[in-house]
N, C-alpha and C. Protein backbone atom coordinates (compact mmCIF):
# COMPACT_ATOMS: atom_id res chain seq x y z
N MET A 1 -0.56 12.12 -4.78
CA MET A 1 -1.18 11.71 -3.55
C MET A 1 -0.53 10.41 -3.09
N LYS A 2 -0.61 10.17 -1.80
CA LYS A 2 0.02 8.99 -1.21
C LYS A 2 -1.05 8.09 -0.62
N GLY A 3 -0.85 6.79 -0.74
CA GLY A 3 -1.80 5.83 -0.19
C GLY A 3 -1.13 4.52 0.16
N ILE A 4 -1.93 3.60 0.67
CA ILE A 4 -1.45 2.27 1.06
C ILE A 4 -2.33 1.24 0.36
N ILE A 5 -1.68 0.29 -0.31
CA ILE A 5 -2.45 -0.76 -0.98
C ILE A 5 -3.15 -1.60 0.08
N ASP A 6 -4.46 -1.66 -0.02
CA ASP A 6 -5.25 -2.44 0.93
C ASP A 6 -5.41 -3.88 0.46
N ARG A 7 -5.80 -4.03 -0.83
CA ARG A 7 -6.03 -5.39 -1.35
C ARG A 7 -6.16 -5.34 -2.86
N PHE A 8 -6.14 -6.55 -3.43
CA PHE A 8 -6.37 -6.73 -4.86
C PHE A 8 -7.72 -7.41 -5.02
N GLU A 9 -8.50 -6.96 -5.99
CA GLU A 9 -9.80 -7.56 -6.31
C GLU A 9 -9.87 -7.72 -7.82
N GLU A 10 -9.61 -8.93 -8.29
CA GLU A 10 -9.58 -9.24 -9.72
C GLU A 10 -8.66 -8.27 -10.45
N ASP A 11 -9.18 -7.39 -11.29
CA ASP A 11 -8.35 -6.46 -12.06
C ASP A 11 -8.20 -5.10 -11.39
N LEU A 12 -8.57 -5.00 -10.11
CA LEU A 12 -8.51 -3.74 -9.39
C LEU A 12 -7.55 -3.81 -8.22
N VAL A 13 -7.00 -2.66 -7.88
CA VAL A 13 -6.21 -2.52 -6.66
C VAL A 13 -6.95 -1.49 -5.81
N VAL A 14 -7.26 -1.87 -4.57
CA VAL A 14 -7.94 -0.97 -3.65
C VAL A 14 -6.87 -0.29 -2.81
N VAL A 15 -6.85 1.04 -2.87
CA VAL A 15 -5.83 1.82 -2.16
C VAL A 15 -6.51 2.68 -1.11
N GLU A 16 -5.98 2.64 0.11
CA GLU A 16 -6.48 3.49 1.19
C GLU A 16 -5.76 4.84 1.08
N ILE A 17 -6.56 5.88 0.94
CA ILE A 17 -6.03 7.23 0.85
C ILE A 17 -6.74 8.05 1.91
N GLY A 18 -6.00 8.42 2.96
CA GLY A 18 -6.65 9.08 4.09
C GLY A 18 -7.59 8.10 4.75
N ASN A 19 -8.85 8.51 4.92
CA ASN A 19 -9.86 7.64 5.54
C ASN A 19 -10.77 7.00 4.51
N ASN A 20 -10.41 7.07 3.24
CA ASN A 20 -11.23 6.53 2.17
C ASN A 20 -10.44 5.50 1.37
N THR A 21 -11.16 4.72 0.57
CA THR A 21 -10.50 3.81 -0.36
C THR A 21 -10.88 4.19 -1.78
N GLN A 22 -9.98 3.91 -2.68
CA GLN A 22 -10.21 4.21 -4.09
C GLN A 22 -9.70 3.03 -4.92
N ASP A 23 -10.44 2.69 -5.96
CA ASP A 23 -10.06 1.58 -6.84
C ASP A 23 -9.26 2.09 -8.03
N PHE A 24 -8.22 1.32 -8.39
CA PHE A 24 -7.38 1.64 -9.53
C PHE A 24 -7.21 0.40 -10.39
N ASP A 25 -6.97 0.60 -11.65
CA ASP A 25 -6.70 -0.50 -12.57
C ASP A 25 -5.38 -1.16 -12.18
N LYS A 26 -5.40 -2.47 -12.04
CA LYS A 26 -4.21 -3.21 -11.61
C LYS A 26 -3.03 -3.02 -12.57
N ARG A 27 -3.33 -2.79 -13.85
CA ARG A 27 -2.26 -2.63 -14.85
C ARG A 27 -1.40 -1.40 -14.60
N LEU A 28 -1.88 -0.45 -13.81
CA LEU A 28 -1.10 0.76 -13.52
C LEU A 28 0.01 0.51 -12.50
N PHE A 29 -0.10 -0.59 -11.75
CA PHE A 29 0.82 -0.85 -10.64
C PHE A 29 2.00 -1.71 -11.08
N PRO A 30 3.15 -1.50 -10.44
CA PRO A 30 4.29 -2.38 -10.72
C PRO A 30 3.93 -3.83 -10.41
N ALA A 31 4.55 -4.76 -11.11
CA ALA A 31 4.25 -6.19 -10.95
C ALA A 31 4.53 -6.68 -9.53
N ASP A 32 5.47 -6.05 -8.83
CA ASP A 32 5.83 -6.52 -7.49
C ASP A 32 5.02 -5.85 -6.37
N ALA A 33 3.98 -5.09 -6.73
CA ALA A 33 3.15 -4.43 -5.72
C ALA A 33 2.42 -5.47 -4.88
N SER A 34 2.28 -5.17 -3.58
CA SER A 34 1.57 -6.09 -2.70
C SER A 34 0.82 -5.30 -1.63
N PRO A 35 -0.18 -5.93 -1.00
CA PRO A 35 -0.92 -5.25 0.06
C PRO A 35 0.03 -4.76 1.15
N GLY A 36 -0.23 -3.55 1.62
CA GLY A 36 0.61 -2.94 2.64
C GLY A 36 1.65 -1.99 2.08
N ASP A 37 1.89 -2.05 0.77
CA ASP A 37 2.87 -1.14 0.16
C ASP A 37 2.37 0.30 0.21
N VAL A 38 3.27 1.21 0.55
CA VAL A 38 2.98 2.63 0.49
C VAL A 38 3.30 3.08 -0.93
N VAL A 39 2.37 3.79 -1.56
CA VAL A 39 2.55 4.20 -2.95
C VAL A 39 2.26 5.69 -3.12
N THR A 40 2.86 6.26 -4.16
CA THR A 40 2.46 7.59 -4.60
C THR A 40 1.75 7.42 -5.93
N ILE A 41 0.73 8.23 -6.12
CA ILE A 41 -0.07 8.18 -7.33
C ILE A 41 -0.08 9.57 -7.94
N GLU A 42 0.50 9.66 -9.13
CA GLU A 42 0.56 10.93 -9.86
C GLU A 42 0.06 10.66 -11.27
N GLY A 43 -1.23 10.90 -11.49
CA GLY A 43 -1.82 10.58 -12.79
C GLY A 43 -1.81 9.08 -12.99
N ASP A 44 -1.18 8.64 -14.08
CA ASP A 44 -1.08 7.20 -14.37
C ASP A 44 0.23 6.61 -13.86
N LYS A 45 1.02 7.39 -13.14
CA LYS A 45 2.30 6.89 -12.63
C LYS A 45 2.16 6.54 -11.16
N ILE A 46 2.40 5.26 -10.86
CA ILE A 46 2.31 4.79 -9.49
C ILE A 46 3.66 4.22 -9.10
N THR A 47 4.17 4.70 -7.97
CA THR A 47 5.49 4.31 -7.49
C THR A 47 5.38 3.73 -6.09
N ILE A 48 6.04 2.61 -5.86
CA ILE A 48 6.10 2.03 -4.53
C ILE A 48 7.22 2.73 -3.76
N LEU A 49 6.89 3.21 -2.57
CA LEU A 49 7.89 3.85 -1.71
C LEU A 49 8.45 2.77 -0.79
N LYS A 50 9.53 2.15 -1.24
CA LYS A 50 10.10 0.98 -0.55
C LYS A 50 10.52 1.30 0.89
N ASP A 51 11.18 2.45 1.10
CA ASP A 51 11.63 2.80 2.45
C ASP A 51 10.46 3.02 3.41
N GLU A 52 9.44 3.74 2.95
CA GLU A 52 8.27 3.97 3.80
C GLU A 52 7.51 2.69 4.07
N THR A 53 7.44 1.81 3.07
CA THR A 53 6.78 0.52 3.25
C THR A 53 7.52 -0.30 4.30
N ALA A 54 8.83 -0.36 4.21
CA ALA A 54 9.63 -1.12 5.18
C ALA A 54 9.47 -0.54 6.59
N LYS A 55 9.48 0.78 6.70
CA LYS A 55 9.32 1.44 8.00
C LYS A 55 7.96 1.11 8.60
N ARG A 56 6.92 1.17 7.78
CA ARG A 56 5.57 0.89 8.25
C ARG A 56 5.44 -0.57 8.69
N ARG A 57 5.99 -1.48 7.91
CA ARG A 57 5.92 -2.90 8.29
C ARG A 57 6.66 -3.17 9.59
N LYS A 58 7.79 -2.50 9.80
CA LYS A 58 8.56 -2.66 11.04
C LYS A 58 7.76 -2.15 12.23
N GLU A 59 7.09 -0.99 12.06
CA GLU A 59 6.28 -0.44 13.14
C GLU A 59 5.14 -1.39 13.51
N VAL A 60 4.49 -1.96 12.51
CA VAL A 60 3.39 -2.90 12.77
C VAL A 60 3.93 -4.15 13.46
N GLU A 61 5.06 -4.64 13.01
CA GLU A 61 5.68 -5.83 13.62
C GLU A 61 6.02 -5.56 15.08
N ASP A 62 6.60 -4.38 15.36
CA ASP A 62 6.95 -4.03 16.74
C ASP A 62 5.70 -3.96 17.63
N LEU A 63 4.62 -3.38 17.10
CA LEU A 63 3.38 -3.31 17.88
C LEU A 63 2.82 -4.70 18.17
N MET A 64 2.88 -5.56 17.18
CA MET A 64 2.39 -6.94 17.39
C MET A 64 3.24 -7.66 18.42
N ASN A 65 4.54 -7.46 18.38
CA ASN A 65 5.42 -8.09 19.36
C ASN A 65 5.10 -7.60 20.77
N GLU A 66 4.81 -6.31 20.91
CA GLU A 66 4.44 -5.78 22.23
C GLU A 66 3.15 -6.40 22.74
N LEU A 67 2.18 -6.57 21.86
CA LEU A 67 0.89 -7.12 22.26
C LEU A 67 0.99 -8.57 22.70
N PHE A 68 1.87 -9.33 22.06
CA PHE A 68 1.91 -10.77 22.33
C PHE A 68 3.04 -11.18 23.27
N GLU A 69 3.69 -10.22 23.90
CA GLU A 69 4.74 -10.57 24.87
C GLU A 69 4.15 -10.92 26.20
């Protein structure tokens, strides 16, 4: 399944999956994980999708630039 890291709460990572959020143990995530990262979750294996994360951040940045021009 694919999701987006919403936030960190102590030893938990809150991931948005579809229209819901789910909590995961922080130890399952790579050390460089950060809010906004797009991740895949397959059992105990969590992978950051760097290209999708960069694309999503660029889209958000472009939208913000349009709003504040």
